[in-house]
Amino acid sequence: MPVNRGTLVLLALSLALVVAGVQYAHYGDQPPTDYRVEPATAADAEAAANDTYEPDWQVVYHYENLSDTAQRAFRSALDAPDGRVSYLGSENRAPEFIYLSDTAGSPGAGNYYVRYEGNYYHLTTYGAGMDFGFDALGAAFLTMAGFGATIGGAVRADDARLRVAALAGLLAIGATYALRFDWFGVHGLSALLALGAVVAFGAVAAGWLATDRLAG
């Protein structure tokens, strides 16, 4: 049975909007983390340790006592030309540190000192989630527009293969987001879009082939 190409293109574009919206939301949900390192002195570290608001907060660390995540981030920032390194994903947040939005906190809360190879360094940690502004609203708009257009196109389609394929694509990309699938640790937006497209349109192809085989 020949397929209506216009409907096919419409559904493909609509599903692509859903993929873009969902993956953009996933990208924005990843907490960004910044580490900044500057040379300091033992006197700086001692003064900060005496100035902390909470006695239980640790301000000064020896490098060898840091977690693996903290050691990696510290070395990367230390080796960076501007003394700063940025990551995406909660796995890049060291458990011993506190991450504030965009300003250095008080000693022991986003504001630390590290003794490394006999020298002291000032380490500041920053982190924030997705701003509920353009990013969140943009992702929601893309997702809802694509979802509505895909459902509408599937309902109007006179070919069962198109209906099943479109719904299979929606379910596949929706399920991966609902289950908080981490996409194999991929963080870049382009890579996330490509992976989302593979999942969604792979499900489309599977739904199409299954429906065509059953009908035959």
N, C-alpha and C. Protein backbone atom coordinates (compact mmCIF):
# COMPACT_ATOMS: atom_id res chain seq x y z
N MET A 1 0.84 -1.19 0.00
CA MET A 1 0.00 0.00 0.00
C MET A 1 0.88 1.25 0.00
N PRO A 2 0.74 2.14 -0.96
CA PRO A 2 1.56 3.35 -1.01
C PRO A 2 1.28 4.26 0.18
N VAL A 3 2.32 4.93 0.64
CA VAL A 3 2.18 5.80 1.79
C VAL A 3 2.02 7.25 1.35
N ASN A 4 1.27 8.01 2.10
CA ASN A 4 1.10 9.43 1.83
C ASN A 4 2.37 10.15 2.27
N ARG A 5 3.13 10.64 1.30
CA ARG A 5 4.43 11.22 1.63
C ARG A 5 4.31 12.49 2.46
N GLY A 6 3.27 13.25 2.20
CA GLY A 6 3.07 14.47 2.98
C GLY A 6 2.87 14.17 4.45
N THR A 7 2.05 13.19 4.73
CA THR A 7 1.81 12.80 6.12
C THR A 7 3.07 12.23 6.75
N LEU A 8 3.82 11.46 5.97
CA LEU A 8 5.06 10.87 6.46
C LEU A 8 6.06 11.95 6.86
N VAL A 9 6.22 12.96 6.00
CA VAL A 9 7.16 14.04 6.29
C VAL A 9 6.70 14.83 7.52
N LEU A 10 5.38 15.09 7.60
CA LEU A 10 4.84 15.83 8.75
C LEU A 10 5.11 15.09 10.05
N LEU A 11 4.87 13.79 10.05
CA LEU A 11 5.10 13.01 11.26
C LEU A 11 6.58 12.95 11.63
N ALA A 12 7.43 12.85 10.61
CA ALA A 12 8.86 12.81 10.87
C ALA A 12 9.34 14.12 11.49
N LEU A 13 8.87 15.24 10.96
CA LEU A 13 9.24 16.53 11.50
C LEU A 13 8.69 16.74 12.91
N SER A 14 7.47 16.29 13.13
CA SER A 14 6.85 16.43 14.44
C SER A 14 7.61 15.62 15.49
N LEU A 15 7.96 14.40 15.12
CA LEU A 15 8.71 13.56 16.06
C LEU A 15 10.11 14.14 16.32
N ALA A 16 10.69 14.75 15.29
CA ALA A 16 11.99 15.39 15.46
C ALA A 16 11.90 16.53 16.48
N LEU A 17 10.79 17.25 16.49
CA LEU A 17 10.59 18.30 17.49
C LEU A 17 10.54 17.72 18.91
N VAL A 18 9.87 16.59 19.04
CA VAL A 18 9.80 15.93 20.35
C VAL A 18 11.20 15.53 20.81
N VAL A 19 11.96 14.92 19.91
CA VAL A 19 13.32 14.51 20.24
C VAL A 19 14.15 15.73 20.67
N ALA A 20 14.03 16.82 19.91
CA ALA A 20 14.79 18.03 20.24
C ALA A 20 14.39 18.57 21.61
N GLY A 21 13.09 18.63 21.88
CA GLY A 21 12.64 19.15 23.16
C GLY A 21 13.05 18.29 24.33
N VAL A 22 12.87 16.99 24.20
CA VAL A 22 13.22 16.07 25.29
C VAL A 22 14.72 16.07 25.57
N GLN A 23 15.51 16.03 24.50
CA GLN A 23 16.95 15.99 24.70
C GLN A 23 17.51 17.33 25.17
N TYR A 24 16.87 18.41 24.74
CA TYR A 24 17.28 19.72 25.23
C TYR A 24 16.99 19.83 26.73
N ALA A 25 15.85 19.29 27.15
CA ALA A 25 15.53 19.27 28.58
C ALA A 25 16.53 18.41 29.35
N HIS A 26 16.87 17.26 28.78
CA HIS A 26 17.86 16.39 29.44
C HIS A 26 19.21 17.09 29.55
N TYR A 27 19.59 17.78 28.49
CA TYR A 27 20.85 18.53 28.50
C TYR A 27 20.83 19.60 29.59
N GLY A 28 19.71 20.31 29.70
CA GLY A 28 19.60 21.36 30.71
C GLY A 28 19.50 20.84 32.12
N ASP A 29 19.01 19.61 32.28
CA ASP A 29 18.88 19.01 33.61
C ASP A 29 20.22 18.62 34.21
N GLN A 30 21.24 18.50 33.37
CA GLN A 30 22.55 18.09 33.88
C GLN A 30 23.16 19.26 34.65
N PRO A 31 23.49 19.05 35.91
CA PRO A 31 24.04 20.16 36.68
C PRO A 31 25.45 20.54 36.21
N PRO A 32 25.64 21.81 35.83
CA PRO A 32 27.00 22.25 35.48
C PRO A 32 27.82 22.47 36.74
N THR A 33 29.08 22.17 36.65
CA THR A 33 29.98 22.30 37.79
C THR A 33 31.27 22.96 37.36
N ASP A 34 31.68 24.00 38.09
CA ASP A 34 32.94 24.70 37.81
C ASP A 34 33.88 24.57 39.00
N TYR A 35 35.15 24.37 38.68
CA TYR A 35 36.20 24.38 39.70
C TYR A 35 37.23 25.44 39.30
N ARG A 36 37.61 26.27 40.26
CA ARG A 36 38.60 27.31 40.00
C ARG A 36 39.71 27.22 41.04
N VAL A 37 40.94 27.29 40.58
CA VAL A 37 42.10 27.14 41.46
C VAL A 37 43.02 28.35 41.31
N GLU A 38 43.47 28.89 42.44
CA GLU A 38 44.40 30.01 42.46
C GLU A 38 45.48 29.74 43.51
N PRO A 39 46.69 30.22 43.27
CA PRO A 39 47.74 30.06 44.29
C PRO A 39 47.35 30.77 45.58
N ALA A 40 47.75 30.21 46.71
CA ALA A 40 47.46 30.80 48.02
C ALA A 40 48.62 30.52 48.95
N THR A 41 48.46 30.92 50.19
CA THR A 41 49.51 30.70 51.18
C THR A 41 48.94 29.95 52.38
N ALA A 42 49.83 29.44 53.21
CA ALA A 42 49.38 28.75 54.42
C ALA A 42 48.63 29.71 55.33
N ALA A 43 49.03 30.98 55.33
CA ALA A 43 48.35 31.97 56.15
C ALA A 43 46.92 32.19 55.66
N ASP A 44 46.73 32.19 54.34
CA ASP A 44 45.38 32.33 53.78
C ASP A 44 44.50 31.17 54.23
N ALA A 45 45.04 29.96 54.15
CA ALA A 45 44.28 28.78 54.54
C ALA A 45 43.92 28.80 56.01
N GLU A 46 44.88 29.20 56.84
CA GLU A 46 44.62 29.24 58.27
C GLU A 46 43.57 30.29 58.62
N ALA A 47 43.64 31.43 57.97
CA ALA A 47 42.66 32.49 58.23
C ALA A 47 41.27 32.05 57.81
N ALA A 48 41.17 31.38 56.68
CA ALA A 48 39.86 30.91 56.22
C ALA A 48 39.30 29.84 57.15
N ALA A 49 40.16 28.95 57.63
CA ALA A 49 39.70 27.90 58.54
C ALA A 49 39.16 28.48 59.83
N ASN A 50 39.70 29.60 60.26
CA ASN A 50 39.24 30.25 61.48
C ASN A 50 38.02 31.14 61.25
N ASP A 51 37.65 31.32 59.97
CA ASP A 51 36.58 32.25 59.64
C ASP A 51 35.30 31.53 59.19
N THR A 52 35.29 30.19 59.24
CA THR A 52 34.12 29.46 58.76
C THR A 52 32.92 29.66 59.69
N TYR A 53 31.72 29.66 59.09
CA TYR A 53 30.49 29.85 59.87
C TYR A 53 30.15 28.62 60.70
N GLU A 54 30.50 27.46 60.17
CA GLU A 54 30.14 26.21 60.83
C GLU A 54 31.40 25.46 61.25
N PRO A 55 31.56 25.16 62.52
CA PRO A 55 32.76 24.45 62.97
C PRO A 55 32.94 23.09 62.31
N ASP A 56 31.83 22.46 61.87
CA ASP A 56 31.92 21.13 61.26
C ASP A 56 32.36 21.17 59.81
N TRP A 57 32.36 22.35 59.20
CA TRP A 57 32.76 22.44 57.80
C TRP A 57 34.28 22.35 57.68
N GLN A 58 34.74 21.51 56.80
CA GLN A 58 36.18 21.41 56.57
C GLN A 58 36.57 22.42 55.50
N VAL A 59 37.59 23.18 55.78
CA VAL A 59 38.03 24.24 54.87
C VAL A 59 39.33 23.87 54.16
N VAL A 60 40.24 23.26 54.88
CA VAL A 60 41.56 22.93 54.33
C VAL A 60 41.68 21.42 54.13
N TYR A 61 42.10 21.04 52.94
CA TYR A 61 42.25 19.63 52.60
C TYR A 61 43.69 19.36 52.16
N HIS A 62 44.15 18.17 52.45
CA HIS A 62 45.37 17.67 51.84
C HIS A 62 44.96 16.92 50.58
N TYR A 63 45.67 17.18 49.50
CA TYR A 63 45.29 16.61 48.21
C TYR A 63 45.08 15.10 48.28
N GLU A 64 45.96 14.40 48.97
CA GLU A 64 45.88 12.93 49.01
C GLU A 64 44.64 12.43 49.75
N ASN A 65 44.00 13.30 50.51
CA ASN A 65 42.79 12.89 51.23
C ASN A 65 41.50 13.22 50.47
N LEU A 66 41.64 13.85 49.32
CA LEU A 66 40.46 14.17 48.52
C LEU A 66 39.95 12.92 47.81
N SER A 67 38.68 12.93 47.46
CA SER A 67 38.10 11.83 46.68
C SER A 67 38.70 11.85 45.27
N ASP A 68 38.54 10.75 44.54
CA ASP A 68 39.07 10.67 43.18
C ASP A 68 38.49 11.78 42.29
N THR A 69 37.19 12.04 42.46
CA THR A 69 36.54 13.08 41.66
C THR A 69 37.15 14.45 41.96
N ALA A 70 37.36 14.74 43.24
CA ALA A 70 37.93 16.02 43.63
C ALA A 70 39.37 16.15 43.16
N GLN A 71 40.13 15.08 43.24
CA GLN A 71 41.52 15.11 42.78
C GLN A 71 41.59 15.40 41.29
N ARG A 72 40.75 14.71 40.52
CA ARG A 72 40.76 14.91 39.06
C ARG A 72 40.40 16.34 38.71
N ALA A 73 39.35 16.86 39.34
CA ALA A 73 38.91 18.22 39.05
C ALA A 73 39.98 19.24 39.46
N PHE A 74 40.56 19.04 40.61
CA PHE A 74 41.59 19.97 41.10
C PHE A 74 42.77 20.00 40.14
N ARG A 75 43.27 18.84 39.74
CA ARG A 75 44.42 18.80 38.83
C ARG A 75 44.09 19.43 37.49
N SER A 76 42.89 19.16 37.00
CA SER A 76 42.49 19.72 35.70
C SER A 76 42.42 21.24 35.76
N ALA A 77 41.86 21.76 36.84
CA ALA A 77 41.78 23.22 36.98
C ALA A 77 43.17 23.82 37.17
N LEU A 78 44.02 23.14 37.93
CA LEU A 78 45.38 23.62 38.17
C LEU A 78 46.17 23.69 36.87
N ASP A 79 45.95 22.71 36.00
CA ASP A 79 46.69 22.65 34.73
C ASP A 79 46.09 23.54 33.65
N ALA A 80 44.87 24.02 33.85
CA ALA A 80 44.21 24.85 32.84
C ALA A 80 44.85 26.24 32.80
N PRO A 81 44.97 26.85 31.61
CA PRO A 81 45.61 28.18 31.50
C PRO A 81 44.95 29.25 32.38
N ASP A 82 43.63 29.16 32.52
CA ASP A 82 42.91 30.16 33.33
C ASP A 82 42.56 29.66 34.72
N GLY A 83 43.07 28.47 35.07
CA GLY A 83 42.82 27.93 36.40
C GLY A 83 41.39 27.50 36.63
N ARG A 84 40.70 27.16 35.57
CA ARG A 84 39.27 26.83 35.69
C ARG A 84 38.92 25.65 34.79
N VAL A 85 38.03 24.80 35.29
CA VAL A 85 37.54 23.68 34.51
C VAL A 85 36.04 23.53 34.76
N SER A 86 35.31 23.17 33.72
CA SER A 86 33.85 23.02 33.81
C SER A 86 33.44 21.63 33.35
N TYR A 87 32.42 21.10 34.02
CA TYR A 87 31.89 19.78 33.68
C TYR A 87 30.36 19.84 33.65
N LEU A 88 29.78 18.83 33.00
CA LEU A 88 28.34 18.61 33.08
C LEU A 88 28.10 17.24 33.69
N GLY A 89 27.05 17.12 34.48
CA GLY A 89 26.72 15.82 35.06
C GLY A 89 27.06 15.73 36.53
N SER A 90 26.15 15.14 37.30
CA SER A 90 26.33 15.06 38.75
C SER A 90 27.50 14.18 39.15
N GLU A 91 27.95 13.29 38.24
CA GLU A 91 29.07 12.42 38.58
C GLU A 91 30.38 13.20 38.71
N ASN A 92 30.38 14.46 38.26
CA ASN A 92 31.58 15.28 38.37
C ASN A 92 31.58 16.16 39.61
N ARG A 93 30.65 15.91 40.52
CA ARG A 93 30.62 16.66 41.77
C ARG A 93 31.21 15.82 42.90
N ALA A 94 32.24 16.35 43.50
CA ALA A 94 32.90 15.63 44.59
C ALA A 94 32.03 15.68 45.85
N PRO A 95 31.91 14.56 46.56
CA PRO A 95 31.00 14.51 47.71
C PRO A 95 31.41 15.40 48.88
N GLU A 96 32.68 15.75 48.97
CA GLU A 96 33.12 16.55 50.11
C GLU A 96 32.89 18.05 49.94
N PHE A 97 32.50 18.47 48.74
CA PHE A 97 32.35 19.89 48.48
C PHE A 97 30.88 20.31 48.40
N ILE A 98 30.65 21.58 48.64
CA ILE A 98 29.33 22.20 48.45
C ILE A 98 29.41 23.05 47.19
N TYR A 99 28.35 23.04 46.38
CA TYR A 99 28.35 23.77 45.11
C TYR A 99 27.27 24.84 45.13
N LEU A 100 27.69 26.09 45.03
CA LEU A 100 26.76 27.21 45.03
C LEU A 100 26.48 27.65 43.61
N SER A 101 25.59 28.62 43.46
CA SER A 101 25.12 29.01 42.13
C SER A 101 26.20 29.71 41.30
N ASP A 102 26.54 30.93 41.64
CA ASP A 102 27.50 31.64 40.80
C ASP A 102 28.46 32.53 41.58
N THR A 103 28.46 32.43 42.87
CA THR A 103 29.38 33.23 43.68
C THR A 103 30.07 32.34 44.70
N ALA A 104 31.29 32.69 45.02
CA ALA A 104 32.03 31.90 46.00
C ALA A 104 31.39 32.04 47.37
N GLY A 105 31.24 30.93 48.06
CA GLY A 105 30.60 30.95 49.36
C GLY A 105 31.59 31.24 50.47
N SER A 106 31.14 30.98 51.67
CA SER A 106 32.00 31.19 52.83
C SER A 106 32.97 30.01 52.96
N PRO A 107 34.02 30.15 53.75
CA PRO A 107 34.96 29.04 53.93
C PRO A 107 34.25 27.76 54.36
N GLY A 108 34.49 26.69 53.62
CA GLY A 108 33.86 25.42 53.91
C GLY A 108 32.58 25.19 53.15
N ALA A 109 32.13 26.19 52.41
CA ALA A 109 30.91 26.07 51.60
C ALA A 109 31.16 26.69 50.23
N GLY A 110 31.81 25.91 49.37
CA GLY A 110 32.16 26.40 48.04
C GLY A 110 33.48 27.15 48.02
N ASN A 111 34.14 27.22 49.14
CA ASN A 111 35.36 28.01 49.28
C ASN A 111 36.35 27.20 50.12
N TYR A 112 37.43 26.70 49.49
CA TYR A 112 38.33 25.75 50.16
C TYR A 112 39.79 26.08 49.88
N TYR A 113 40.63 25.37 50.62
CA TYR A 113 42.07 25.44 50.39
C TYR A 113 42.61 24.01 50.33
N VAL A 114 43.53 23.81 49.39
CA VAL A 114 44.10 22.47 49.18
C VAL A 114 45.63 22.57 49.26
N ARG A 115 46.20 21.72 50.09
CA ARG A 115 47.67 21.62 50.14
C ARG A 115 48.10 20.53 49.16
N TYR A 116 48.91 20.93 48.19
CA TYR A 116 49.31 20.02 47.12
C TYR A 116 50.80 20.22 46.83
N GLU A 117 51.56 19.15 46.99
CA GLU A 117 53.01 19.16 46.73
C GLU A 117 53.70 20.31 47.46
N GLY A 118 53.30 20.51 48.71
CA GLY A 118 53.95 21.51 49.55
C GLY A 118 53.43 22.92 49.39
N ASN A 119 52.52 23.14 48.46
CA ASN A 119 51.96 24.47 48.23
C ASN A 119 50.47 24.50 48.56
N TYR A 120 49.97 25.69 48.83
CA TYR A 120 48.55 25.86 49.11
C TYR A 120 47.86 26.51 47.92
N TYR A 121 46.62 26.07 47.68
CA TYR A 121 45.83 26.62 46.58
C TYR A 121 44.42 26.92 47.07
N HIS A 122 43.87 27.99 46.56
CA HIS A 122 42.49 28.36 46.87
C HIS A 122 41.60 27.71 45.83
N LEU A 123 40.64 26.91 46.27
CA LEU A 123 39.73 26.19 45.38
C LEU A 123 38.30 26.68 45.63
N THR A 124 37.64 27.11 44.57
CA THR A 124 36.23 27.48 44.68
C THR A 124 35.42 26.57 43.77
N THR A 125 34.25 26.19 44.25
CA THR A 125 33.37 25.28 43.50
C THR A 125 32.04 25.97 43.24
N TYR A 126 31.57 25.84 42.01
CA TYR A 126 30.31 26.45 41.60
C TYR A 126 29.44 25.40 40.95
N GLY A 127 28.15 25.57 41.06
CA GLY A 127 27.24 24.67 40.37
C GLY A 127 25.84 25.21 40.40
N ALA A 128 25.07 24.90 39.37
CA ALA A 128 23.68 25.35 39.31
C ALA A 128 22.91 24.39 38.44
N GLY A 129 21.60 24.35 38.65
CA GLY A 129 20.73 23.54 37.80
C GLY A 129 20.22 24.35 36.64
N MET A 130 19.26 23.81 35.94
CA MET A 130 18.69 24.49 34.79
C MET A 130 17.85 25.68 35.25
N ASP A 131 18.07 26.84 34.69
CA ASP A 131 17.27 28.01 35.02
C ASP A 131 15.87 27.84 34.46
N PHE A 132 14.85 28.11 35.29
CA PHE A 132 13.49 28.03 34.77
C PHE A 132 13.19 29.34 34.04
N GLY A 133 13.73 29.45 32.88
CA GLY A 133 13.56 30.62 32.04
C GLY A 133 13.47 30.15 30.62
N PHE A 134 14.27 30.73 29.76
CA PHE A 134 14.19 30.39 28.34
C PHE A 134 14.46 28.91 28.09
N ASP A 135 15.49 28.36 28.76
CA ASP A 135 15.87 26.97 28.49
C ASP A 135 14.73 26.01 28.79
N ALA A 136 14.19 26.09 29.98
CA ALA A 136 13.13 25.17 30.38
C ALA A 136 11.87 25.38 29.53
N LEU A 137 11.51 26.63 29.34
CA LEU A 137 10.30 26.91 28.56
C LEU A 137 10.50 26.54 27.10
N GLY A 138 11.69 26.78 26.59
CA GLY A 138 11.96 26.40 25.20
C GLY A 138 11.88 24.90 25.00
N ALA A 139 12.45 24.14 25.93
CA ALA A 139 12.39 22.68 25.83
C ALA A 139 10.95 22.20 25.93
N ALA A 140 10.20 22.79 26.86
CA ALA A 140 8.79 22.39 27.02
C ALA A 140 7.98 22.72 25.77
N PHE A 141 8.23 23.88 25.18
CA PHE A 141 7.49 24.27 23.98
C PHE A 141 7.77 23.31 22.82
N LEU A 142 9.04 23.01 22.60
CA LEU A 142 9.39 22.08 21.52
C LEU A 142 8.73 20.72 21.73
N THR A 143 8.80 20.23 22.97
CA THR A 143 8.24 18.91 23.27
C THR A 143 6.74 18.88 23.07
N MET A 144 6.04 19.87 23.62
CA MET A 144 4.58 19.88 23.51
C MET A 144 4.10 20.10 22.08
N ALA A 145 4.79 20.99 21.35
CA ALA A 145 4.41 21.24 19.96
C ALA A 145 4.62 19.98 19.12
N GLY A 146 5.76 19.34 19.32
CA GLY A 146 6.03 18.11 18.57
C GLY A 146 5.09 16.99 18.95
N PHE A 147 4.83 16.86 20.25
CA PHE A 147 3.92 15.81 20.72
C PHE A 147 2.53 16.00 20.13
N GLY A 148 2.02 17.23 20.20
CA GLY A 148 0.68 17.48 19.67
C GLY A 148 0.60 17.23 18.18
N ALA A 149 1.62 17.68 17.45
CA ALA A 149 1.61 17.49 16.00
C ALA A 149 1.73 16.01 15.64
N THR A 150 2.53 15.27 16.41
CA THR A 150 2.69 13.84 16.12
C THR A 150 1.40 13.08 16.39
N ILE A 151 0.77 13.35 17.53
CA ILE A 151 -0.50 12.69 17.84
C ILE A 151 -1.56 13.06 16.81
N GLY A 152 -1.63 14.35 16.47
CA GLY A 152 -2.62 14.79 15.48
C GLY A 152 -2.40 14.13 14.13
N GLY A 153 -1.15 14.07 13.70
CA GLY A 153 -0.85 13.44 12.42
C GLY A 153 -1.14 11.95 12.43
N ALA A 154 -0.85 11.30 13.56
CA ALA A 154 -1.11 9.87 13.65
C ALA A 154 -2.61 9.57 13.62
N VAL A 155 -3.40 10.41 14.28
CA VAL A 155 -4.85 10.21 14.30
C VAL A 155 -5.43 10.39 12.91
N ARG A 156 -4.93 11.36 12.17
CA ARG A 156 -5.46 11.65 10.84
C ARG A 156 -4.93 10.71 9.77
N ALA A 157 -3.83 10.03 10.05
CA ALA A 157 -3.23 9.16 9.04
C ALA A 157 -4.18 8.01 8.70
N ASP A 158 -4.26 7.69 7.40
CA ASP A 158 -5.13 6.60 6.96
C ASP A 158 -4.34 5.30 6.77
N ASP A 159 -3.11 5.29 7.25
CA ASP A 159 -2.24 4.12 7.12
C ASP A 159 -1.86 3.66 8.53
N ALA A 160 -2.19 2.42 8.86
CA ALA A 160 -1.91 1.88 10.19
C ALA A 160 -0.41 1.88 10.49
N ARG A 161 0.39 1.71 9.45
CA ARG A 161 1.83 1.69 9.65
C ARG A 161 2.33 3.04 10.17
N LEU A 162 1.78 4.11 9.62
CA LEU A 162 2.15 5.44 10.08
C LEU A 162 1.73 5.68 11.53
N ARG A 163 0.54 5.26 11.86
CA ARG A 163 0.04 5.47 13.22
C ARG A 163 0.89 4.73 14.24
N VAL A 164 1.12 3.46 13.97
CA VAL A 164 1.91 2.66 14.92
C VAL A 164 3.35 3.16 15.01
N ALA A 165 3.93 3.50 13.86
CA ALA A 165 5.32 3.96 13.84
C ALA A 165 5.48 5.26 14.63
N ALA A 166 4.55 6.19 14.45
CA ALA A 166 4.64 7.48 15.15
C ALA A 166 4.49 7.28 16.66
N LEU A 167 3.53 6.46 17.05
CA LEU A 167 3.34 6.21 18.48
C LEU A 167 4.52 5.46 19.09
N ALA A 168 5.11 4.56 18.32
CA ALA A 168 6.28 3.83 18.82
C ALA A 168 7.45 4.78 19.05
N GLY A 169 7.63 5.74 18.16
CA GLY A 169 8.69 6.72 18.33
C GLY A 169 8.48 7.58 19.56
N LEU A 170 7.22 8.02 19.77
CA LEU A 170 6.91 8.82 20.95
C LEU A 170 7.18 8.05 22.24
N LEU A 171 6.73 6.81 22.26
CA LEU A 171 6.91 6.00 23.46
C LEU A 171 8.39 5.76 23.76
N ALA A 172 9.17 5.53 22.72
CA ALA A 172 10.59 5.23 22.92
C ALA A 172 11.34 6.41 23.51
N ILE A 173 11.16 7.60 22.91
CA ILE A 173 11.91 8.75 23.41
C ILE A 173 11.35 9.22 24.76
N GLY A 174 10.03 9.08 24.94
CA GLY A 174 9.44 9.46 26.22
C GLY A 174 9.89 8.56 27.35
N ALA A 175 9.97 7.26 27.07
CA ALA A 175 10.37 6.30 28.11
C ALA A 175 11.82 6.52 28.54
N THR A 176 12.70 6.81 27.58
CA THR A 176 14.11 7.01 27.95
C THR A 176 14.27 8.23 28.86
N TYR A 177 13.45 9.26 28.63
CA TYR A 177 13.55 10.44 29.50
C TYR A 177 12.89 10.18 30.86
N ALA A 178 11.73 9.52 30.83
CA ALA A 178 11.01 9.25 32.09
C ALA A 178 11.82 8.34 33.01
N LEU A 179 12.58 7.42 32.43
CA LEU A 179 13.40 6.50 33.21
C LEU A 179 14.74 7.11 33.61
N ARG A 180 14.96 8.37 33.23
CA ARG A 180 16.20 9.08 33.56
C ARG A 180 17.42 8.36 33.02
N PHE A 181 17.27 7.81 31.82
CA PHE A 181 18.38 7.13 31.17
C PHE A 181 19.51 8.13 30.95
N ASP A 182 20.74 7.76 31.29
CA ASP A 182 21.84 8.74 31.26
C ASP A 182 22.58 8.78 29.93
N TRP A 183 22.09 8.05 28.92
CA TRP A 183 22.67 8.10 27.58
C TRP A 183 24.17 7.80 27.60
N PHE A 184 24.53 6.77 28.36
CA PHE A 184 25.91 6.28 28.40
C PHE A 184 26.90 7.36 28.85
N GLY A 185 26.42 8.30 29.65
CA GLY A 185 27.31 9.35 30.15
C GLY A 185 27.60 10.45 29.14
N VAL A 186 26.90 10.46 28.00
CA VAL A 186 27.09 11.52 27.00
C VAL A 186 26.46 12.81 27.52
N HIS A 187 27.18 13.94 27.35
CA HIS A 187 26.69 15.21 27.88
C HIS A 187 26.49 16.27 26.82
N GLY A 188 27.16 16.18 25.68
CA GLY A 188 27.06 17.20 24.65
C GLY A 188 25.68 17.23 24.00
N LEU A 189 25.19 18.43 23.67
CA LEU A 189 23.85 18.55 23.11
C LEU A 189 23.73 17.86 21.75
N SER A 190 24.71 18.04 20.88
CA SER A 190 24.66 17.42 19.55
C SER A 190 24.61 15.90 19.64
N ALA A 191 25.45 15.35 20.53
CA ALA A 191 25.47 13.90 20.70
C ALA A 191 24.16 13.40 21.29
N LEU A 192 23.58 14.15 22.23
CA LEU A 192 22.30 13.76 22.82
C LEU A 192 21.20 13.78 21.78
N LEU A 193 21.21 14.79 20.91
CA LEU A 193 20.20 14.85 19.85
C LEU A 193 20.34 13.67 18.90
N ALA A 194 21.58 13.33 18.56
CA ALA A 194 21.81 12.21 17.64
C ALA A 194 21.35 10.89 18.27
N LEU A 195 21.68 10.68 19.54
CA LEU A 195 21.26 9.45 20.22
C LEU A 195 19.74 9.39 20.35
N GLY A 196 19.12 10.52 20.66
CA GLY A 196 17.67 10.55 20.76
C GLY A 196 17.00 10.23 19.44
N ALA A 197 17.58 10.74 18.36
CA ALA A 197 17.03 10.46 17.03
C ALA A 197 17.16 8.98 16.68
N VAL A 198 18.29 8.38 17.06
CA VAL A 198 18.48 6.94 16.79
C VAL A 198 17.42 6.12 17.53
N VAL A 199 17.18 6.46 18.80
CA VAL A 199 16.20 5.72 19.58
C VAL A 199 14.79 5.91 19.03
N ALA A 200 14.41 7.17 18.79
CA ALA A 200 13.05 7.45 18.34
C ALA A 200 12.77 6.87 16.96
N PHE A 201 13.66 7.13 16.02
CA PHE A 201 13.41 6.67 14.65
C PHE A 201 13.73 5.20 14.48
N GLY A 202 14.53 4.65 15.37
CA GLY A 202 14.69 3.20 15.38
C GLY A 202 13.39 2.53 15.78
N ALA A 203 12.71 3.11 16.77
CA ALA A 203 11.40 2.59 17.18
C ALA A 203 10.38 2.79 16.08
N VAL A 204 10.48 3.90 15.36
CA VAL A 204 9.59 4.14 14.21
C VAL A 204 9.75 3.03 13.18
N ALA A 205 10.98 2.73 12.85
CA ALA A 205 11.24 1.68 11.85
C ALA A 205 10.73 0.32 12.34
N ALA A 206 10.95 0.03 13.60
CA ALA A 206 10.50 -1.25 14.16
C ALA A 206 8.97 -1.33 14.14
N GLY A 207 8.32 -0.24 14.53
CA GLY A 207 6.84 -0.23 14.50
C GLY A 207 6.29 -0.38 13.10
N TRP A 208 6.91 0.30 12.16
CA TRP A 208 6.48 0.22 10.76
C TRP A 208 6.62 -1.20 10.24
N LEU A 209 7.79 -1.80 10.43
CA LEU A 209 8.04 -3.13 9.91
C LEU A 209 7.12 -4.17 10.56
N ALA A 210 6.91 -4.03 11.88
CA ALA A 210 6.05 -4.99 12.57
C ALA A 210 4.61 -4.90 12.07
N THR A 211 4.12 -3.69 11.89
CA THR A 211 2.75 -3.50 11.41
C THR A 211 2.61 -3.99 9.98
N ASP A 212 3.61 -3.71 9.17
CA ASP A 212 3.57 -4.14 7.76
C ASP A 212 3.58 -5.66 7.66
N ARG A 213 4.37 -6.31 8.52
CA ARG A 213 4.45 -7.77 8.49
C ARG A 213 3.15 -8.40 8.95
N LEU A 214 2.56 -7.82 10.02
CA LEU A 214 1.30 -8.36 10.51
C LEU A 214 0.17 -8.20 9.49
N ALA A 215 0.21 -7.05 8.80
CA ALA A 215 -0.82 -6.79 7.80
C ALA A 215 -0.67 -7.71 6.60
N GLY A 216 0.59 -8.06 6.31
CA GLY A 216 0.81 -8.92 5.15
C GLY A 216 0.48 -10.38 5.43
